[in-house]
């Protein structure tokens, strides 16, 4: 059964499955995270400000992952047929544990 974490609550945090998601910071735009399975999560983003439901970026925090485990994040409302991601660009990620700062991350984007 899917477990939903409503991130857009006043705390800005929610748990979905084994991961804890947060958007409780400036520009954080994750609204809902739903655990589809142990390692797959569907995400719904807040629409961009001053738009008619468009979403062109994403910014949130996730904690509680296990080293060596691959997690899949399916962003439900952030899709453009001609985005740079479809041309091979990877999102930028920051890991406090790795200590390397911002770096390109992800596979099968």
Protein backbone atom coordinates (compact mmCIF):
# COMPACT_ATOMS: atom_id res chain seq x y z
CA UNK A 1 0.00 0.00 0.00
CA UNK A 2 1.21 3.48 -0.84
CA UNK A 3 2.17 5.69 2.07
CA UNK A 4 1.73 9.41 1.54
CA UNK A 5 3.64 12.20 3.22
CA UNK A 6 2.01 15.60 2.91
CA UNK A 7 4.99 17.89 2.85
CA UNK A 8 3.05 21.12 2.37
CA UNK A 9 1.86 21.13 5.99
CA UNK A 10 2.89 23.94 8.38
CA UNK A 11 5.95 21.93 9.44
CA UNK A 12 6.93 21.51 5.78
CA UNK A 13 7.96 17.92 6.50
CA UNK A 14 6.47 14.51 5.91
CA UNK A 15 7.50 10.87 5.98
CA UNK A 16 6.74 8.60 3.05
CA UNK A 17 7.98 5.03 3.35
CA UNK A 18 11.47 4.94 4.83
CA UNK A 19 12.45 8.45 3.65
CA UNK A 20 11.68 11.81 5.23
CA UNK A 21 11.03 14.68 2.81
CA UNK A 22 11.11 18.40 3.58
CA UNK A 23 10.42 21.62 1.75
CA UNK A 24 10.52 23.80 4.87
CA UNK A 25 13.01 26.29 3.51
CA UNK A 26 13.06 29.21 1.08
CA UNK A 27 12.01 28.08 -2.42
CA UNK A 28 11.29 24.49 -1.33
CA UNK A 29 8.45 23.34 -3.60
CA UNK A 30 7.62 19.72 -2.80
CA UNK A 31 3.92 19.32 -1.97
CA UNK A 32 3.36 15.57 -1.60
CA UNK A 33 5.66 12.53 -1.54
CA UNK A 34 4.07 9.10 -1.90
CA UNK A 35 5.94 5.83 -1.35
CA UNK A 36 4.93 3.53 -4.22
CA UNK A 37 7.26 0.79 -3.02
CA UNK A 38 10.28 0.51 -0.72
CA UNK A 39 12.51 2.47 -3.11
CA UNK A 40 10.13 4.25 -5.50
CA UNK A 41 8.49 7.58 -4.66
CA UNK A 42 5.99 9.69 -6.61
CA UNK A 43 6.40 13.41 -5.99
CA UNK A 44 3.99 16.27 -6.61
CA UNK A 45 5.42 19.78 -6.74
CA UNK A 46 3.87 23.15 -5.93
CA UNK A 47 3.22 25.13 -9.14
CA UNK A 48 5.58 28.02 -9.87
CA UNK A 49 4.55 31.40 -8.46
CA UNK A 50 2.63 33.60 -10.91
CA UNK A 51 2.00 30.73 -13.31
CA UNK A 52 -1.09 28.84 -14.36
CA UNK A 53 -0.04 25.54 -12.80
CA UNK A 54 3.35 25.31 -14.52
CA UNK A 55 6.33 23.70 -12.79
CA UNK A 56 9.81 24.16 -14.25
CA UNK A 57 12.10 23.44 -11.30
CA UNK A 58 12.28 21.36 -8.13
CA UNK A 59 13.92 21.86 -4.76
CA UNK A 60 13.45 19.72 -1.67
CA UNK A 61 15.35 17.78 0.97
CA UNK A 62 15.23 14.04 1.56
CA UNK A 63 16.77 12.15 4.49
CA UNK A 64 16.88 8.59 5.74
CA UNK A 65 18.31 6.87 2.68
CA UNK A 66 20.59 3.85 2.88
CA UNK A 67 24.03 3.94 1.27
CA UNK A 68 24.20 1.72 -1.81
CA UNK A 69 20.41 1.63 -2.31
CA UNK A 70 18.99 3.19 -5.48
CA UNK A 71 15.88 5.32 -4.96
CA UNK A 72 13.61 6.42 -7.79
CA UNK A 73 11.81 9.78 -7.64
CA UNK A 74 9.01 10.14 -10.19
CA UNK A 75 8.08 13.82 -10.44
CA UNK A 76 4.48 13.76 -11.60
CA UNK A 77 3.97 17.38 -12.65
CA UNK A 78 7.37 18.46 -13.97
CA UNK A 79 7.50 17.25 -17.55
CA UNK A 80 8.36 19.09 -20.73
CA UNK A 81 8.80 17.15 -23.99
CA UNK A 82 11.91 19.16 -24.91
CA UNK A 83 13.65 19.62 -21.56
CA UNK A 84 17.40 19.46 -21.10
CA UNK A 85 16.89 16.31 -19.00
CA UNK A 86 15.67 14.47 -22.11
CA UNK A 87 18.98 15.47 -23.71
CA UNK A 88 21.13 13.95 -20.96
CA UNK A 89 21.41 16.71 -18.36
CA UNK A 90 21.32 15.42 -14.77
CA UNK A 91 19.87 17.26 -11.76
CA UNK A 92 22.11 18.89 -9.19
CA UNK A 93 22.32 17.24 -5.76
CA UNK A 94 23.91 18.12 -2.41
CA UNK A 95 24.86 15.45 0.10
CA UNK A 96 25.83 16.55 3.59
CA UNK A 97 27.43 13.14 4.21
CA UNK A 98 29.54 13.18 1.03
CA UNK A 99 30.81 16.68 1.84
CA UNK A 100 31.53 17.54 -1.81
CA UNK A 101 29.00 20.34 -2.30
CA UNK A 102 26.68 20.58 -5.30
CA UNK A 103 27.23 17.97 -8.00
CA UNK A 104 25.38 16.35 -10.90
CA UNK A 105 23.62 13.16 -9.83
CA UNK A 106 21.09 10.60 -10.96
CA UNK A 107 20.65 8.02 -13.71
CA UNK A 108 17.89 7.28 -16.23
CA UNK A 109 16.49 10.78 -16.00
